[in-house]
Amino acid sequence: MSHLKVYTSSLIPLYRSCLLNKLLDDGKFFFQNLDFEEAENRFQYALKKICGIENEMDKECVMDLKKQFLMELLKCKRERNVS
């Protein structure tokens, strides 16, 4: 797959990094299989998890993660024609 992986540095605990990577991979899998609703759910859940860890991370890292998941979420919404 040709997408960015979630940061795996000391800025994010390993279990959170694994969770975010899994959500990203699952969302992309569902998107490719045309299950846009499930993909959208994965990306929304990831965004909620990112919002919960903002204080523990570098702001630039948080912004990159948010952009990545928001772009995927917007692709799902565009395919479903939802605003």
PDB file of N, CA and C in Angstrom:
ATOM      1  N   MET A   1       0.842  -1.181   0.000  1.00  0.00           N
ATOM      2  CA  MET A   1       0.000   0.000   0.000  1.00  0.00           C
ATOM      3  C   MET A   1       0.885   1.242   0.000  1.00  0.00           C
ATOM      4  N   SER A   2       0.416   2.243  -0.657  1.00  0.00           N
ATOM      5  CA  SER A   2       1.221   3.449  -0.787  1.00  0.00           C
ATOM      6  C   SER A   2       0.644   4.594   0.039  1.00  0.00           C
ATOM      7  N   HIS A   3       0.481   4.363   1.309  1.00  0.00           N
ATOM      8  CA  HIS A   3      -0.017   5.427   2.175  1.00  0.00           C
ATOM      9  C   HIS A   3       0.946   5.625   3.323  1.00  0.00           C
ATOM     10  N   LEU A   4       0.839   6.764   3.931  1.00  0.00           N
ATOM     11  CA  LEU A   4       1.709   7.061   5.060  1.00  0.00           C
ATOM     12  C   LEU A   4       1.295   6.248   6.264  1.00  0.00           C
ATOM     13  N   LYS A   5       2.261   5.767   6.968  1.00  0.00           N
ATOM     14  CA  LYS A   5       1.972   5.070   8.213  1.00  0.00           C
ATOM     15  C   LYS A   5       1.953   6.080   9.341  1.00  0.00           C
ATOM     16  N   VAL A   6       1.242   5.746  10.378  1.00  0.00           N
ATOM     17  CA  VAL A   6       1.175   6.591  11.558  1.00  0.00           C
ATOM     18  C   VAL A   6       2.555   6.613  12.196  1.00  0.00           C
ATOM     19  N   TYR A   7       2.896   7.734  12.779  1.00  0.00           N
ATOM     20  CA  TYR A   7       4.206   7.881  13.404  1.00  0.00           C
ATOM     21  C   TYR A   7       4.452   6.787  14.439  1.00  0.00           C
ATOM     22  N   THR A   8       5.627   6.187  14.392  1.00  0.00           N
ATOM     23  CA  THR A   8       6.005   5.195  15.378  1.00  0.00           C
ATOM     24  C   THR A   8       7.263   5.692  16.078  1.00  0.00           C
ATOM     25  N   SER A   9       7.108   6.696  16.853  1.00  0.00           N
ATOM     26  CA  SER A   9       8.240   7.250  17.581  1.00  0.00           C
ATOM     27  C   SER A   9       7.913   7.238  19.068  1.00  0.00           C
ATOM     28  N   SER A  10       8.809   7.790  19.826  1.00  0.00           N
ATOM     29  CA  SER A  10       8.582   7.862  21.261  1.00  0.00           C
ATOM     30  C   SER A  10       7.492   8.874  21.601  1.00  0.00           C
ATOM     31  N   LEU A  11       7.036   9.647  20.590  1.00  0.00           N
ATOM     32  CA  LEU A  11       5.983  10.622  20.830  1.00  0.00           C
ATOM     33  C   LEU A  11       4.623   9.955  21.041  1.00  0.00           C
ATOM     34  N   ILE A  12       4.440   8.772  20.482  1.00  0.00           N
ATOM     35  CA  ILE A  12       3.184   8.041  20.627  1.00  0.00           C
ATOM     36  C   ILE A  12       3.504   6.692  21.264  1.00  0.00           C
ATOM     37  N   PRO A  13       2.820   6.348  22.342  1.00  0.00           N
ATOM     38  CA  PRO A  13       3.031   5.015  22.916  1.00  0.00           C
ATOM     39  C   PRO A  13       2.752   3.935  21.866  1.00  0.00           C
ATOM     40  N   LEU A  14       3.426   2.829  21.986  1.00  0.00           N
ATOM     41  CA  LEU A  14       3.351   1.769  20.984  1.00  0.00           C
ATOM     42  C   LEU A  14       1.932   1.275  20.759  1.00  0.00           C
ATOM     43  N   TYR A  15       1.157   1.077  21.828  1.00  0.00           N
ATOM     44  CA  TYR A  15      -0.195   0.544  21.639  1.00  0.00           C
ATOM     45  C   TYR A  15      -1.088   1.517  20.893  1.00  0.00           C
ATOM     46  N   ARG A  16      -0.898   2.805  21.093  1.00  0.00           N
ATOM     47  CA  ARG A  16      -1.700   3.793  20.355  1.00  0.00           C
ATOM     48  C   ARG A  16      -1.289   3.827  18.895  1.00  0.00           C
ATOM     49  N   SER A  17      -0.002   3.716  18.664  1.00  0.00           N
ATOM     50  CA  SER A  17       0.488   3.686  17.291  1.00  0.00           C
ATOM     51  C   SER A  17      -0.071   2.471  16.558  1.00  0.00           C
ATOM     52  N   CYS A  18      -0.081   1.320  17.216  1.00  0.00           N
ATOM     53  CA  CYS A  18      -0.628   0.096  16.612  1.00  0.00           C
ATOM     54  C   CYS A  18      -2.117   0.250  16.326  1.00  0.00           C
ATOM     55  N   LEU A  19      -2.850   0.833  17.264  1.00  0.00           N
ATOM     56  CA  LEU A  19      -4.283   1.043  17.087  1.00  0.00           C
ATOM     57  C   LEU A  19      -4.551   1.952  15.885  1.00  0.00           C
ATOM     58  N   LEU A  20      -3.839   3.064  15.804  1.00  0.00           N
ATOM     59  CA  LEU A  20      -4.052   4.000  14.705  1.00  0.00           C
ATOM     60  C   LEU A  20      -3.672   3.383  13.364  1.00  0.00           C
ATOM     61  N   ASN A  21      -2.587   2.607  13.335  1.00  0.00           N
ATOM     62  CA  ASN A  21      -2.199   1.928  12.097  1.00  0.00           C
ATOM     63  C   ASN A  21      -3.263   0.919  11.677  1.00  0.00           C
ATOM     64  N   LYS A  22      -3.788   0.173  12.646  1.00  0.00           N
ATOM     65  CA  LYS A  22      -4.822  -0.819  12.361  1.00  0.00           C
ATOM     66  C   LYS A  22      -6.084  -0.135  11.834  1.00  0.00           C
ATOM     67  N   LEU A  23      -6.487   0.970  12.451  1.00  0.00           N
ATOM     68  CA  LEU A  23      -7.666   1.693  11.989  1.00  0.00           C
ATOM     69  C   LEU A  23      -7.467   2.230  10.574  1.00  0.00           C
ATOM     70  N   LEU A  24      -6.277   2.720  10.290  1.00  0.00           N
ATOM     71  CA  LEU A  24      -5.976   3.225   8.954  1.00  0.00           C
ATOM     72  C   LEU A  24      -6.025   2.097   7.927  1.00  0.00           C
ATOM     73  N   ASP A  25      -5.396   0.978   8.238  1.00  0.00           N
ATOM     74  CA  ASP A  25      -5.402  -0.159   7.319  1.00  0.00           C
ATOM     75  C   ASP A  25      -6.811  -0.709   7.115  1.00  0.00           C
ATOM     76  N   ASP A  26      -7.576  -0.845   8.199  1.00  0.00           N
ATOM     77  CA  ASP A  26      -8.950  -1.338   8.090  1.00  0.00           C
ATOM     78  C   ASP A  26      -9.810  -0.401   7.258  1.00  0.00           C
ATOM     79  N   GLY A  27      -9.679   0.891   7.520  1.00  0.00           N
ATOM     80  CA  GLY A  27     -10.456   1.864   6.767  1.00  0.00           C
ATOM     81  C   GLY A  27     -10.145   1.812   5.284  1.00  0.00           C
ATOM     82  N   LYS A  28      -8.877   1.707   4.947  1.00  0.00           N
ATOM     83  CA  LYS A  28      -8.487   1.622   3.541  1.00  0.00           C
ATOM     84  C   LYS A  28      -8.977   0.316   2.907  1.00  0.00           C
ATOM     85  N   PHE A  29      -8.956  -0.770   3.680  1.00  0.00           N
ATOM     86  CA  PHE A  29      -9.464  -2.052   3.187  1.00  0.00           C
ATOM     87  C   PHE A  29     -10.949  -1.941   2.851  1.00  0.00           C
ATOM     88  N   PHE A  30     -11.733  -1.384   3.778  1.00  0.00           N
ATOM     89  CA  PHE A  30     -13.169  -1.240   3.543  1.00  0.00           C
ATOM     90  C   PHE A  30     -13.440  -0.292   2.375  1.00  0.00           C
ATOM     91  N   PHE A  31     -12.649   0.752   2.267  1.00  0.00           N
ATOM     92  CA  PHE A  31     -12.820   1.694   1.163  1.00  0.00           C
ATOM     93  C   PHE A  31     -12.592   1.004  -0.176  1.00  0.00           C
ATOM     94  N   GLN A  32     -11.537   0.213  -0.258  1.00  0.00           N
ATOM     95  CA  GLN A  32     -11.229  -0.490  -1.504  1.00  0.00           C
ATOM     96  C   GLN A  32     -12.296  -1.519  -1.852  1.00  0.00           C
ATOM     97  N   ASN A  33     -12.958  -2.067  -0.831  1.00  0.00           N
ATOM     98  CA  ASN A  33     -14.020  -3.042  -1.058  1.00  0.00           C
ATOM     99  C   ASN A  33     -15.395  -2.381  -1.123  1.00  0.00           C
ATOM    100  N   LEU A  34     -15.403  -1.073  -1.301  1.00  0.00           N
ATOM    101  CA  LEU A  34     -16.618  -0.280  -1.509  1.00  0.00           C
ATOM    102  C   LEU A  34     -17.578  -0.300  -0.325  1.00  0.00           C
ATOM    103  N   ASP A  35     -17.067  -0.563   0.863  1.00  0.00           N
ATOM    104  CA  ASP A  35     -17.880  -0.481   2.081  1.00  0.00           C
ATOM    105  C   ASP A  35     -17.541   0.849   2.753  1.00  0.00           C
ATOM    106  N   PHE A  36     -18.096   1.924   2.189  1.00  0.00           N
ATOM    107  CA  PHE A  36     -17.724   3.270   2.603  1.00  0.00           C
ATOM    108  C   PHE A  36     -18.195   3.604   4.014  1.00  0.00           C
ATOM    109  N   GLU A  37     -19.322   3.026   4.414  1.00  0.00           N
ATOM    110  CA  GLU A  37     -19.832   3.303   5.755  1.00  0.00           C
ATOM    111  C   GLU A  37     -18.885   2.772   6.833  1.00  0.00           C
ATOM    112  N   GLU A  38     -18.407   1.549   6.661  1.00  0.00           N
ATOM    113  CA  GLU A  38     -17.469   0.971   7.631  1.00  0.00           C
ATOM    114  C   GLU A  38     -16.139   1.713   7.615  1.00  0.00           C
ATOM    115  N   ALA A  39     -15.673   2.077   6.447  1.00  0.00           N
ATOM    116  CA  ALA A  39     -14.426   2.839   6.344  1.00  0.00           C
ATOM    117  C   ALA A  39     -14.569   4.164   7.074  1.00  0.00           C
ATOM    118  N   GLU A  40     -15.701   4.812   6.867  1.00  0.00           N
ATOM    119  CA  GLU A  40     -15.962   6.090   7.524  1.00  0.00           C
ATOM    120  C   GLU A  40     -15.965   5.934   9.046  1.00  0.00           C
ATOM    121  N   ASN A  41     -16.560   4.852   9.530  1.00  0.00           N
ATOM    122  CA  ASN A  41     -16.574   4.596  10.976  1.00  0.00           C
ATOM    123  C   ASN A  41     -15.163   4.453  11.530  1.00  0.00           C
ATOM    124  N   ARG A  42     -14.295   3.747  10.807  1.00  0.00           N
ATOM    125  CA  ARG A  42     -12.912   3.548  11.267  1.00  0.00           C
ATOM    126  C   ARG A  42     -12.173   4.884  11.351  1.00  0.00           C
ATOM    127  N   PHE A  43     -12.338   5.714  10.335  1.00  0.00           N
ATOM    128  CA  PHE A  43     -11.633   6.988  10.312  1.00  0.00           C
ATOM    129  C   PHE A  43     -12.167   7.940  11.381  1.00  0.00           C
ATOM    130  N   GLN A  44     -13.473   7.928  11.607  1.00  0.00           N
ATOM    131  CA  GLN A  44     -14.047   8.777  12.658  1.00  0.00           C
ATOM    132  C   GLN A  44     -13.555   8.334  14.040  1.00  0.00           C
ATOM    133  N   TYR A  45     -13.495   7.029  14.271  1.00  0.00           N
ATOM    134  CA  TYR A  45     -13.013   6.515  15.552  1.00  0.00           C
ATOM    135  C   TYR A  45     -11.556   6.915  15.769  1.00  0.00           C
ATOM    136  N   ALA A  46     -10.758   6.825  14.715  1.00  0.00           N
ATOM    137  CA  ALA A  46      -9.345   7.215  14.819  1.00  0.00           C
ATOM    138  C   ALA A  46      -9.211   8.694  15.161  1.00  0.00           C
ATOM    139  N   LEU A  47     -10.048   9.522  14.551  1.00  0.00           N
ATOM    140  CA  LEU A  47     -10.009  10.955  14.852  1.00  0.00           C
ATOM    141  C   LEU A  47     -10.363  11.227  16.308  1.00  0.00           C
ATOM    142  N   LYS A  48     -11.302  10.472  16.855  1.00  0.00           N
ATOM    143  CA  LYS A  48     -11.643  10.627  18.276  1.00  0.00           C
ATOM    144  C   LYS A  48     -10.457  10.249  19.154  1.00  0.00           C
ATOM    145  N   LYS A  49      -9.758   9.186  18.771  1.00  0.00           N
ATOM    146  CA  LYS A  49      -8.595   8.747  19.554  1.00  0.00           C
ATOM    147  C   LYS A  49      -7.462   9.769  19.469  1.00  0.00           C
ATOM    148  N   ILE A  50      -7.298  10.372  18.330  1.00  0.00           N
ATOM    149  CA  ILE A  50      -6.256  11.394  18.172  1.00  0.00           C
ATOM    150  C   ILE A  50      -6.564  12.596  19.043  1.00  0.00           C
ATOM    151  N   CYS A  51      -7.826  12.996  19.071  1.00  0.00           N
ATOM    152  CA  CYS A  51      -8.218  14.147  19.895  1.00  0.00           C
ATOM    153  C   CYS A  51      -7.947  13.878  21.371  1.00  0.00           C
ATOM    154  N   GLY A  52      -8.020  12.633  21.793  1.00  0.00           N
ATOM    155  CA  GLY A  52      -7.789  12.284  23.184  1.00  0.00           C
ATOM    156  C   GLY A  52      -6.333  12.293  23.601  1.00  0.00           C
ATOM    157  N   ILE A  53      -5.411  12.307  22.636  1.00  0.00           N
ATOM    158  CA  ILE A  53      -3.986  12.251  22.982  1.00  0.00           C
ATOM    159  C   ILE A  53      -3.232  13.503  22.578  1.00  0.00           C
ATOM    160  N   GLU A  54      -3.948  14.566  22.232  1.00  0.00           N
ATOM    161  CA  GLU A  54      -3.292  15.782  21.757  1.00  0.00           C
ATOM    162  C   GLU A  54      -2.294  16.359  22.757  1.00  0.00           C
ATOM    163  N   ASN A  55      -2.591  16.301  24.034  1.00  0.00           N
ATOM    164  CA  ASN A  55      -1.713  16.904  25.037  1.00  0.00           C
ATOM    165  C   ASN A  55      -0.413  16.141  25.207  1.00  0.00           C
ATOM    166  N   GLU A  56      -0.397  14.872  24.808  1.00  0.00           N
ATOM    167  CA  GLU A  56       0.780  14.038  25.014  1.00  0.00           C
ATOM    168  C   GLU A  56       1.727  14.034  23.817  1.00  0.00           C
ATOM    169  N   MET A  57       1.346  14.690  22.732  1.00  0.00           N
ATOM    170  CA  MET A  57       2.117  14.590  21.506  1.00  0.00           C
ATOM    171  C   MET A  57       2.558  15.952  20.995  1.00  0.00           C
ATOM    172  N   ASP A  58       3.506  15.911  20.100  1.00  0.00           N
ATOM    173  CA  ASP A  58       3.973  17.098  19.397  1.00  0.00           C
ATOM    174  C   ASP A  58       2.842  17.622  18.508  1.00  0.00           C
ATOM    175  N   LYS A  59       2.643  18.927  18.474  1.00  0.00           N
ATOM    176  CA  LYS A  59       1.527  19.514  17.712  1.00  0.00           C
ATOM    177  C   LYS A  59       1.626  19.213  16.224  1.00  0.00           C
ATOM    178  N   GLU A  60       2.817  19.219  15.687  1.00  0.00           N
ATOM    179  CA  GLU A  60       2.983  18.927  14.263  1.00  0.00           C
ATOM    180  C   GLU A  60       2.573  17.491  13.952  1.00  0.00           C
ATOM    181  N   CYS A  61       2.930  16.584  14.820  1.00  0.00           N
ATOM    182  CA  CYS A  61       2.563  15.177  14.665  1.00  0.00           C
ATOM    183  C   CYS A  61       1.042  15.015  14.695  1.00  0.00           C
ATOM    184  N   VAL A  62       0.390  15.693  15.628  1.00  0.00           N
ATOM    185  CA  VAL A  62      -1.067  15.629  15.754  1.00  0.00           C
ATOM    186  C   VAL A  62      -1.726  16.176  14.490  1.00  0.00           C
ATOM    187  N   MET A  63      -1.232  17.279  13.994  1.00  0.00           N
ATOM    188  CA  MET A  63      -1.814  17.880  12.791  1.00  0.00           C
ATOM    189  C   MET A  63      -1.660  16.959  11.580  1.00  0.00           C
ATOM    190  N   ASP A  64      -0.509  16.315  11.451  1.00  0.00           N
ATOM    191  CA  ASP A  64      -0.299  15.385  10.335  1.00  0.00           C
ATOM    192  C   ASP A  64      -1.260  14.203  10.423  1.00  0.00           C
ATOM    193  N   LEU A  65      -1.432  13.676  11.625  1.00  0.00           N
ATOM    194  CA  LEU A  65      -2.355  12.554  11.809  1.00  0.00           C
ATOM    195  C   LEU A  65      -3.789  12.968  11.491  1.00  0.00           C
ATOM    196  N   LYS A  66      -4.190  14.116  11.981  1.00  0.00           N
ATOM    197  CA  LYS A  66      -5.550  14.595  11.717  1.00  0.00           C
ATOM    198  C   LYS A  66      -5.776  14.776  10.223  1.00  0.00           C
ATOM    199  N   LYS A  67      -4.805  15.374   9.542  1.00  0.00           N
ATOM    200  CA  LYS A  67      -4.939  15.583   8.098  1.00  0.00           C
ATOM    201  C   LYS A  67      -5.092  14.256   7.371  1.00  0.00           C
ATOM    202  N   GLN A  68      -4.277  13.297   7.762  1.00  0.00           N
ATOM    203  CA  GLN A  68      -4.301  11.996   7.107  1.00  0.00           C
ATOM    204  C   GLN A  68      -5.673  11.338   7.250  1.00  0.00           C
ATOM    205  N   PHE A  69      -6.203  11.310   8.475  1.00  0.00           N
ATOM    206  CA  PHE A  69      -7.493  10.658   8.701  1.00  0.00           C
ATOM    207  C   PHE A  69      -8.652  11.487   8.146  1.00  0.00           C
ATOM    208  N   LEU A  70      -8.552  12.809   8.195  1.00  0.00           N
ATOM    209  CA  LEU A  70      -9.610  13.648   7.627  1.00  0.00           C
ATOM    210  C   LEU A  70      -9.690  13.487   6.111  1.00  0.00           C
ATOM    211  N   MET A  71      -8.560  13.389   5.455  1.00  0.00           N
ATOM    212  CA  MET A  71      -8.568  13.191   4.003  1.00  0.00           C
ATOM    213  C   MET A  71      -9.238  11.862   3.642  1.00  0.00           C
ATOM    214  N   GLU A  72      -8.939  10.826   4.397  1.00  0.00           N
ATOM    215  CA  GLU A  72      -9.567   9.526   4.141  1.00  0.00           C
ATOM    216  C   GLU A  72     -11.068   9.592   4.417  1.00  0.00           C
ATOM    217  N   LEU A  73     -11.438  10.262   5.486  1.00  0.00           N
ATOM    218  CA  LEU A  73     -12.854  10.411   5.834  1.00  0.00           C
ATOM    219  C   LEU A  73     -13.594  11.182   4.746  1.00  0.00           C
ATOM    220  N   LEU A  74     -12.993  12.228   4.235  1.00  0.00           N
ATOM    221  CA  LEU A  74     -13.614  13.015   3.174  1.00  0.00           C
ATOM    222  C   LEU A  74     -13.773  12.216   1.888  1.00  0.00           C
ATOM    223  N   LYS A  75     -12.815  11.335   1.603  1.00  0.00           N
ATOM    224  CA  LYS A  75     -12.957  10.473   0.432  1.00  0.00           C
ATOM    225  C   LYS A  75     -14.171   9.564   0.576  1.00  0.00           C
ATOM    226  N   CYS A  76     -14.387   9.040   1.771  1.00  0.00           N
ATOM    227  CA  CYS A  76     -15.552   8.179   2.020  1.00  0.00           C
ATOM    228  C   CYS A  76     -16.842   8.962   1.856  1.00  0.00           C
ATOM    229  N   LYS A  77     -16.876  10.140   2.444  1.00  0.00           N
ATOM    230  CA  LYS A  77     -18.084  10.965   2.353  1.00  0.00           C
ATOM    231  C   LYS A  77     -18.369  11.367   0.907  1.00  0.00           C
ATOM    232  N   ARG A  78     -17.318  11.648   0.152  1.00  0.00           N
ATOM    233  CA  ARG A  78     -17.502  12.009  -1.242  1.00  0.00           C
ATOM    234  C   ARG A  78     -18.090  10.837  -2.039  1.00  0.00           C
ATOM    235  N   GLU A  79     -17.613   9.642  -1.756  1.00  0.00           N
ATOM    236  CA  GLU A  79     -18.127   8.461  -2.453  1.00  0.00           C
ATOM    237  C   GLU A  79     -19.582   8.183  -2.084  1.00  0.00           C
ATOM    238  N   ARG A  80     -19.952   8.500  -0.844  1.00  0.00           N
ATOM    239  CA  ARG A  80     -21.331   8.290  -0.385  1.00  0.00           C
ATOM    240  C   ARG A  80     -22.218   9.495  -0.685  1.00  0.00           C
ATOM    241  N   ASN A  81     -21.642  10.575  -1.186  1.00  0.00           N
ATOM    242  CA  ASN A  81     -22.364  11.821  -1.462  1.00  0.00           C
ATOM    243  C   ASN A  81     -23.008  12.386  -0.200  1.00  0.00           C
ATOM    244  N   VAL A  82     -22.238  12.382   0.893  1.00  0.00           N
ATOM    245  CA  VAL A  82     -22.698  12.907   2.167  1.00  0.00           C
ATOM    246  C   VAL A  82     -21.893  14.159   2.465  1.00  0.00           C
ATOM    247  N   SER A  83     -22.550  15.183   2.978  1.00  0.00           N
ATOM    248  CA  SER A  83     -21.824  16.404   3.315  1.00  0.00           C
ATOM    249  C   SER A  83     -21.654  16.537   4.809  1.00  0.00           C
TER     250      SER A  83
END
